[in-house]
Amino acid sequence: MKLLSFIHCEAIKVLRSSVFWIVVAAFATMPIMFGFVTYINAAAAGWDPYLTDLLGTSTALLVIGFSFTACWVFWTGIYR
């Protein structure tokens, strides 16, 4: 019962957080933007350039996001 209460509390915190919705919006618009860029660049149109660009950008954003999250967790843990 305590585990379900913990999961419920954390889910409410995540859904009420503005950062969660900003990340969802960024990752939802990214494929659309790359689709437009690939469509405009007709010489390289196809799935391979689209998925390569999408994967590279997603990976870079995830690494940066993980780094900021890890720094925030350890910074607040040390200096509190």
N, C-alpha and C. Protein backbone atom coordinates (compact mmCIF):
# COMPACT_ATOMS: atom_id res chain seq x y z
N MET A 1 0.81 -1.19 0.00
CA MET A 1 0.00 0.00 0.00
C MET A 1 0.86 1.26 0.00
N LYS A 2 1.98 1.24 0.71
CA LYS A 2 2.84 2.40 0.77
C LYS A 2 3.47 2.68 -0.60
N LEU A 3 3.78 1.62 -1.34
CA LEU A 3 4.38 1.79 -2.66
C LEU A 3 3.40 2.45 -3.62
N LEU A 4 2.15 2.04 -3.59
CA LEU A 4 1.15 2.66 -4.46
C LEU A 4 0.91 4.13 -4.08
N SER A 5 0.96 4.42 -2.81
CA SER A 5 0.81 5.80 -2.37
C SER A 5 1.98 6.65 -2.85
N PHE A 6 3.17 6.10 -2.78
CA PHE A 6 4.37 6.80 -3.25
C PHE A 6 4.29 7.06 -4.75
N ILE A 7 3.90 6.05 -5.51
CA ILE A 7 3.79 6.21 -6.97
C ILE A 7 2.72 7.24 -7.31
N HIS A 8 1.61 7.22 -6.62
CA HIS A 8 0.53 8.18 -6.86
C HIS A 8 1.00 9.61 -6.57
N CYS A 9 1.70 9.80 -5.47
CA CYS A 9 2.19 11.12 -5.09
C CYS A 9 3.20 11.64 -6.12
N GLU A 10 4.12 10.79 -6.56
CA GLU A 10 5.12 11.21 -7.54
C GLU A 10 4.48 11.49 -8.90
N ALA A 11 3.48 10.72 -9.28
CA ALA A 11 2.79 10.96 -10.55
C ALA A 11 2.07 12.31 -10.53
N ILE A 12 1.46 12.65 -9.41
CA ILE A 12 0.80 13.94 -9.29
C ILE A 12 1.81 15.08 -9.39
N LYS A 13 2.98 14.92 -8.75
CA LYS A 13 4.01 15.95 -8.81
C LYS A 13 4.52 16.14 -10.23
N VAL A 14 4.71 15.04 -10.95
CA VAL A 14 5.21 15.14 -12.32
C VAL A 14 4.18 15.81 -13.22
N LEU A 15 2.92 15.44 -13.10
CA LEU A 15 1.90 16.01 -13.96
C LEU A 15 1.63 17.48 -13.67
N ARG A 16 1.83 17.92 -12.45
CA ARG A 16 1.62 19.32 -12.11
C ARG A 16 2.85 20.19 -12.41
N SER A 17 3.97 19.57 -12.68
CA SER A 17 5.20 20.30 -12.96
C SER A 17 5.16 20.90 -14.36
N SER A 18 5.62 22.11 -14.51
CA SER A 18 5.66 22.75 -15.83
C SER A 18 6.80 22.20 -16.68
N VAL A 19 7.86 21.73 -16.05
CA VAL A 19 9.00 21.21 -16.79
C VAL A 19 8.60 19.98 -17.59
N PHE A 20 7.78 19.14 -17.03
CA PHE A 20 7.33 17.94 -17.73
C PHE A 20 6.62 18.29 -19.03
N TRP A 21 5.74 19.27 -18.99
CA TRP A 21 4.99 19.64 -20.18
C TRP A 21 5.87 20.35 -21.21
N ILE A 22 6.88 21.08 -20.76
CA ILE A 22 7.83 21.70 -21.70
C ILE A 22 8.64 20.63 -22.42
N VAL A 23 9.08 19.62 -21.70
CA VAL A 23 9.84 18.53 -22.32
C VAL A 23 8.95 17.75 -23.29
N VAL A 24 7.71 17.50 -22.93
CA VAL A 24 6.79 16.80 -23.82
C VAL A 24 6.58 17.61 -25.10
N ALA A 25 6.39 18.92 -24.97
CA ALA A 25 6.20 19.78 -26.14
C ALA A 25 7.44 19.81 -27.02
N ALA A 26 8.63 19.87 -26.40
CA ALA A 26 9.87 19.90 -27.19
C ALA A 26 10.06 18.60 -27.96
N PHE A 27 9.84 17.46 -27.31
CA PHE A 27 10.03 16.19 -28.00
C PHE A 27 8.89 15.86 -28.96
N ALA A 28 7.74 16.53 -28.82
CA ALA A 28 6.66 16.32 -29.78
C ALA A 28 6.85 17.16 -31.03
N THR A 29 7.41 18.35 -30.89
CA THR A 29 7.59 19.22 -32.06
C THR A 29 8.87 18.92 -32.83
N MET A 30 9.82 18.25 -32.19
CA MET A 30 11.09 17.97 -32.86
C MET A 30 10.92 17.11 -34.12
N PRO A 31 10.17 16.01 -34.10
CA PRO A 31 10.00 15.23 -35.34
C PRO A 31 9.29 16.02 -36.44
N ILE A 32 8.37 16.88 -36.05
CA ILE A 32 7.67 17.69 -37.05
C ILE A 32 8.63 18.67 -37.71
N MET A 33 9.48 19.30 -36.91
CA MET A 33 10.46 20.24 -37.47
C MET A 33 11.43 19.54 -38.41
N PHE A 34 11.91 18.37 -38.02
CA PHE A 34 12.83 17.65 -38.90
C PHE A 34 12.12 17.15 -40.15
N GLY A 35 10.85 16.85 -40.04
CA GLY A 35 10.09 16.47 -41.24
C GLY A 35 10.01 17.61 -42.23
N PHE A 36 9.76 18.83 -41.74
CA PHE A 36 9.72 19.99 -42.63
C PHE A 36 11.08 20.27 -43.25
N VAL A 37 12.15 20.16 -42.45
CA VAL A 37 13.50 20.40 -42.98
C VAL A 37 13.86 19.35 -44.03
N THR A 38 13.53 18.11 -43.79
CA THR A 38 13.82 17.05 -44.76
C THR A 38 12.98 17.23 -46.01
N TYR A 39 11.75 17.69 -45.85
CA TYR A 39 10.88 17.91 -47.01
C TYR A 39 11.38 19.08 -47.85
N ILE A 40 11.85 20.14 -47.20
CA ILE A 40 12.37 21.30 -47.93
C ILE A 40 13.66 20.93 -48.66
N ASN A 41 14.51 20.15 -48.02
CA ASN A 41 15.76 19.71 -48.63
C ASN A 41 15.46 18.45 -49.46
N ALA A 42 14.91 18.64 -50.63
CA ALA A 42 14.42 17.52 -51.45
C ALA A 42 15.52 16.59 -51.93
N ALA A 43 16.77 17.06 -51.99
CA ALA A 43 17.86 16.21 -52.46
C ALA A 43 18.13 15.08 -51.47
N ALA A 44 17.93 15.34 -50.19
CA ALA A 44 18.21 14.33 -49.18
C ALA A 44 16.93 13.78 -48.56
N ALA A 45 15.83 13.83 -49.29
CA ALA A 45 14.56 13.37 -48.74
C ALA A 45 14.57 11.85 -48.62
N GLY A 46 14.06 11.38 -47.54
CA GLY A 46 13.98 9.94 -47.29
C GLY A 46 14.00 9.68 -45.80
N TRP A 47 13.86 8.40 -45.46
CA TRP A 47 13.80 8.04 -44.05
C TRP A 47 15.17 8.07 -43.39
N ASP A 48 16.21 7.71 -44.12
CA ASP A 48 17.54 7.64 -43.52
C ASP A 48 18.03 8.99 -43.00
N PRO A 49 18.02 10.07 -43.80
CA PRO A 49 18.46 11.36 -43.25
C PRO A 49 17.54 11.87 -42.13
N TYR A 50 16.24 11.63 -42.27
CA TYR A 50 15.28 12.07 -41.25
C TYR A 50 15.56 11.39 -39.92
N LEU A 51 15.68 10.07 -39.92
CA LEU A 51 15.89 9.35 -38.68
C LEU A 51 17.28 9.61 -38.09
N THR A 52 18.28 9.81 -38.95
CA THR A 52 19.62 10.13 -38.46
C THR A 52 19.63 11.47 -37.74
N ASP A 53 19.02 12.49 -38.33
CA ASP A 53 18.95 13.80 -37.68
C ASP A 53 18.12 13.74 -36.41
N LEU A 54 17.03 13.03 -36.44
CA LEU A 54 16.16 12.92 -35.27
C LEU A 54 16.87 12.21 -34.12
N LEU A 55 17.55 11.12 -34.43
CA LEU A 55 18.27 10.37 -33.40
C LEU A 55 19.41 11.19 -32.82
N GLY A 56 20.15 11.88 -33.67
CA GLY A 56 21.27 12.69 -33.18
C GLY A 56 20.81 13.81 -32.28
N THR A 57 19.76 14.50 -32.65
CA THR A 57 19.27 15.60 -31.83
C THR A 57 18.64 15.10 -30.54
N SER A 58 17.89 14.01 -30.61
CA SER A 58 17.29 13.44 -29.40
C SER A 58 18.37 13.00 -28.42
N THR A 59 19.41 12.39 -28.93
CA THR A 59 20.50 11.93 -28.07
C THR A 59 21.19 13.12 -27.40
N ALA A 60 21.46 14.16 -28.18
CA ALA A 60 22.11 15.34 -27.60
C ALA A 60 21.24 15.98 -26.53
N LEU A 61 19.95 16.11 -26.78
CA LEU A 61 19.05 16.70 -25.78
C LEU A 61 18.94 15.83 -24.53
N LEU A 62 18.93 14.52 -24.70
CA LEU A 62 18.85 13.64 -23.54
C LEU A 62 20.11 13.70 -22.69
N VAL A 63 21.28 13.78 -23.34
CA VAL A 63 22.53 13.88 -22.59
C VAL A 63 22.58 15.19 -21.81
N ILE A 64 22.19 16.28 -22.44
CA ILE A 64 22.19 17.58 -21.76
C ILE A 64 21.17 17.57 -20.63
N GLY A 65 19.98 17.03 -20.86
CA GLY A 65 18.97 16.96 -19.82
C GLY A 65 19.40 16.10 -18.65
N PHE A 66 20.02 14.96 -18.94
CA PHE A 66 20.51 14.10 -17.86
C PHE A 66 21.59 14.80 -17.06
N SER A 67 22.48 15.53 -17.74
CA SER A 67 23.55 16.23 -17.04
C SER A 67 23.00 17.30 -16.11
N PHE A 68 22.04 18.09 -16.60
CA PHE A 68 21.43 19.11 -15.74
C PHE A 68 20.69 18.49 -14.57
N THR A 69 19.99 17.39 -14.80
CA THR A 69 19.26 16.73 -13.72
C THR A 69 20.22 16.17 -12.68
N ALA A 70 21.29 15.53 -13.12
CA ALA A 70 22.26 14.98 -12.19
C ALA A 70 22.94 16.08 -11.38
N CYS A 71 23.30 17.18 -12.03
CA CYS A 71 23.91 18.31 -11.31
C CYS A 71 22.94 18.89 -10.29
N TRP A 72 21.68 19.01 -10.66
CA TRP A 72 20.69 19.57 -9.76
C TRP A 72 20.49 18.67 -8.54
N VAL A 73 20.44 17.37 -8.77
CA VAL A 73 20.23 16.43 -7.66
C VAL A 73 21.41 16.48 -6.69
N PHE A 74 22.63 16.41 -7.22
CA PHE A 74 23.78 16.38 -6.33
C PHE A 74 24.07 17.75 -5.73
N TRP A 75 23.77 18.83 -6.44
CA TRP A 75 23.99 20.17 -5.90
C TRP A 75 23.06 20.44 -4.72
N THR A 76 21.79 20.07 -4.88
CA THR A 76 20.84 20.31 -3.78
C THR A 76 21.11 19.35 -2.62
N GLY A 77 21.66 18.18 -2.91
CA GLY A 77 21.96 17.24 -1.84
C GLY A 77 23.15 17.66 -1.01
N ILE A 78 24.12 18.32 -1.64
CA ILE A 78 25.34 18.73 -0.92
C ILE A 78 25.11 20.01 -0.14
N TYR A 79 24.44 20.97 -0.73
CA TYR A 79 24.35 22.29 -0.13
C TYR A 79 23.01 22.57 0.56
N ARG A 80 22.38 21.58 1.05
CA ARG A 80 21.15 21.79 1.81
C ARG A 80 21.40 21.68 3.27
